[in-house]
Amino acid sequence: GGKAELAVASIDSVVAYLIADLERLNERHRDPVVAMGAWMASAQKALEKSGFDRGCPLATVALESTSDDAAIRLALAQGFEAIRARLATVLQRAGMTAAPARACAALMVSAYEGALIQARVAGTVQPMRDTAQALIAMVQLSLQQANKSTL
């Protein structure tokens, strides 16, 4: 159990860091669209700085886990859920209702992870730039529609 316990503690630490980073960006920018752009830009810089060697540690562990790693997979599932929930809360505060905010948050996390993997193997941040641009446009449109319906 020692290896699994260490992995779970590492996962929990990464999730806490990511959520704190999201909180910091949201406090600094107030506009969730601007904060999301800053989050993606920060990830792009980190990936470039690492020589395209370091991606998301959660994705790395998830891809390497097997069905025998139940505790690790549970920690990952809970971690990704916590990140999605945090993003959804930010979107709800900006005017989205709960269900669209949860769906949007799920898409944001999935698109981020996919873009990061593609950028890493391609050796260019372009997939992340393209994904960030599309996500920003989608979130802006979703928030505009949500805020129109509440007027």
Protein backbone atom coordinates (compact mmCIF):
# COMPACT_ATOMS: atom_id res chain seq x y z
CA GLY A 1 0.00 0.00 0.00
CA GLY A 2 2.95 2.42 0.37
CA LYS A 3 3.29 3.18 -3.32
CA ALA A 4 -0.44 3.77 -3.74
CA GLU A 5 -0.59 5.95 -0.62
CA LEU A 6 2.27 8.08 -1.93
CA ALA A 7 0.57 8.41 -5.33
CA VAL A 8 -2.74 9.41 -3.72
CA ALA A 9 -0.98 12.03 -1.57
CA SER A 10 0.77 13.39 -4.67
CA ILE A 11 -2.52 13.53 -6.58
CA ASP A 12 -4.20 15.37 -3.71
CA SER A 13 -1.31 17.84 -3.58
CA VAL A 14 -1.44 18.53 -7.33
CA VAL A 15 -5.22 19.02 -7.22
CA ALA A 16 -4.91 21.43 -4.28
CA TYR A 17 -2.23 23.38 -6.15
CA LEU A 18 -4.29 23.56 -9.35
CA ILE A 19 -7.41 24.72 -7.51
CA ALA A 20 -5.39 27.34 -5.60
CA ASP A 21 -3.91 28.52 -8.91
CA LEU A 22 -7.40 28.81 -10.41
CA GLU A 23 -8.55 30.73 -7.33
CA ARG A 24 -5.59 33.11 -7.58
CA LEU A 25 -6.22 33.76 -11.29
CA ASN A 26 -9.95 34.31 -10.72
CA GLU A 27 -9.27 36.74 -7.88
CA ARG A 28 -6.72 38.62 -9.95
CA HIS A 29 -8.75 38.87 -13.15
CA ARG A 30 -12.36 38.70 -11.88
CA ASP A 31 -13.51 37.87 -15.44
CA PRO A 32 -13.55 34.06 -15.77
CA VAL A 33 -12.79 34.29 -19.48
CA VAL A 34 -9.64 36.32 -18.84
CA ALA A 35 -8.67 34.00 -15.97
CA MET A 36 -9.09 30.95 -18.20
CA GLY A 37 -6.91 32.55 -20.86
CA ALA A 38 -4.25 33.27 -18.24
CA TRP A 39 -4.45 29.67 -16.96
CA MET A 40 -3.95 28.26 -20.46
CA ALA A 41 -1.12 30.73 -21.20
CA SER A 42 0.61 29.74 -17.96
CA ALA A 43 0.38 26.05 -18.89
CA GLN A 44 1.77 26.79 -22.35
CA LYS A 45 4.75 28.61 -20.85
CA ALA A 46 5.42 25.79 -18.39
CA LEU A 47 5.29 23.19 -21.16
CA GLU A 48 7.66 25.19 -23.38
CA LYS A 49 10.02 25.84 -20.46
CA SER A 50 10.23 22.09 -19.78
CA GLY A 51 11.25 21.40 -23.37
CA PHE A 52 7.87 19.72 -23.88
CA ASP A 53 8.77 17.05 -21.31
CA ARG A 54 6.30 17.94 -18.55
CA GLY A 55 2.58 17.69 -19.02
CA CYS A 56 -0.18 17.43 -16.48
CA PRO A 57 0.88 15.05 -13.70
CA LEU A 58 -2.73 13.94 -13.24
CA ALA A 59 -3.00 12.85 -16.87
CA THR A 60 0.35 11.08 -16.66
CA VAL A 61 -0.71 9.05 -13.63
CA ALA A 62 -4.16 8.38 -15.12
CA LEU A 63 -2.68 7.03 -18.35
CA GLU A 64 -0.26 4.79 -16.46
CA SER A 65 -2.81 3.44 -13.97
CA THR A 66 -4.45 0.04 -14.33
CA SER A 67 -7.61 -1.50 -12.94
CA ASP A 68 -5.47 -2.78 -10.05
CA ASP A 69 -4.85 0.83 -8.98
CA ALA A 70 -8.29 1.43 -7.46
CA ALA A 71 -7.16 3.94 -4.81
CA ILE A 72 -5.15 5.92 -7.36
CA ARG A 73 -8.00 5.98 -9.85
CA LEU A 74 -10.44 7.05 -7.14
CA ALA A 75 -8.12 9.91 -6.11
CA LEU A 76 -7.79 10.96 -9.77
CA ALA A 77 -11.54 10.83 -10.34
CA GLN A 78 -12.15 12.90 -7.21
CA GLY A 79 -9.39 15.32 -8.20
CA PHE A 80 -10.74 15.90 -11.69
CA GLU A 81 -14.23 16.30 -10.20
CA ALA A 82 -12.94 18.91 -7.74
CA ILE A 83 -11.33 20.88 -10.58
CA ARG A 84 -14.51 20.68 -12.69
CA ALA A 85 -16.61 21.73 -9.69
CA ARG A 86 -14.36 24.73 -9.03
CA LEU A 87 -14.58 25.84 -12.67
CA ALA A 88 -18.35 25.35 -12.66
CA THR A 89 -18.68 27.49 -9.53
CA VAL A 90 -16.74 30.30 -11.21
CA LEU A 91 -18.97 30.06 -14.29
CA GLN A 92 -22.11 30.08 -12.14
CA ARG A 93 -20.91 33.20 -10.34
CA ALA A 94 -20.49 34.82 -13.76
CA GLY A 95 -24.12 34.04 -14.67
CA MET A 96 -24.42 30.47 -15.97
CA THR A 97 -26.94 28.10 -14.46
CA ALA A 98 -25.68 24.91 -12.81
CA ALA A 99 -26.10 22.31 -15.58
CA PRO A 100 -24.50 24.35 -18.39
CA ALA A 101 -21.71 25.44 -16.03
CA ARG A 102 -20.93 21.82 -15.15
CA ALA A 103 -20.97 20.80 -18.82
CA CYS A 104 -18.77 23.72 -19.79
CA ALA A 105 -16.32 22.92 -16.97
CA ALA A 106 -16.13 19.29 -18.10
CA LEU A 107 -15.38 20.38 -21.65
CA MET A 108 -12.76 22.85 -20.43
CA VAL A 109 -10.86 20.20 -18.45
CA SER A 110 -11.13 17.61 -21.23
CA ALA A 111 -10.04 20.06 -23.93
CA TYR A 112 -7.17 21.32 -21.78
CA GLU A 113 -5.85 17.81 -21.13
CA GLY A 114 -6.20 16.79 -24.78
CA ALA A 115 -4.50 19.95 -26.04
CA LEU A 116 -1.68 19.53 -23.54
CA ILE A 117 -1.02 15.96 -24.70
CA GLN A 118 -1.07 17.01 -28.36
CA ALA A 119 1.23 19.97 -27.73
CA ARG A 120 3.66 17.82 -25.79
CA VAL A 121 4.08 15.19 -28.48
CA ALA A 122 4.15 17.76 -31.32
CA GLY A 123 6.71 19.95 -29.58
CA THR A 124 4.62 23.07 -30.12
CA VAL A 125 2.05 24.90 -28.00
CA GLN A 126 -0.13 25.57 -31.04
CA PRO A 127 -2.74 22.92 -30.08
CA MET A 128 -3.05 24.63 -26.70
CA ARG A 129 -3.35 28.07 -28.30
CA ASP A 130 -6.04 26.83 -30.68
CA THR A 131 -7.92 25.10 -27.87
CA ALA A 132 -7.69 28.13 -25.58
CA GLN A 133 -9.02 30.37 -28.34
CA ALA A 134 -11.98 28.05 -28.98
CA LEU A 135 -12.74 27.63 -25.26
CA ILE A 136 -12.59 31.36 -24.65
CA ALA A 137 -15.00 32.03 -27.52
CA MET A 138 -17.36 29.30 -26.29
CA VAL A 139 -17.34 30.51 -22.68
CA GLN A 140 -17.86 34.14 -23.75
CA LEU A 141 -20.83 33.14 -25.89
CA SER A 142 -22.29 30.91 -23.17
CA LEU A 143 -21.98 33.67 -20.58
CA GLN A 144 -23.52 36.24 -22.93
CA GLN A 145 -26.49 33.93 -23.55
CA ALA A 146 -26.85 33.14 -19.85
CA ASN A 147 -26.75 36.79 -18.88
CA LYS A 148 -29.26 37.75 -21.61
CA SER A 149 -31.74 35.20 -20.29
CA THR A 150 -31.51 36.63 -16.77
CA LEU A 151 -32.26 40.22 -17.82
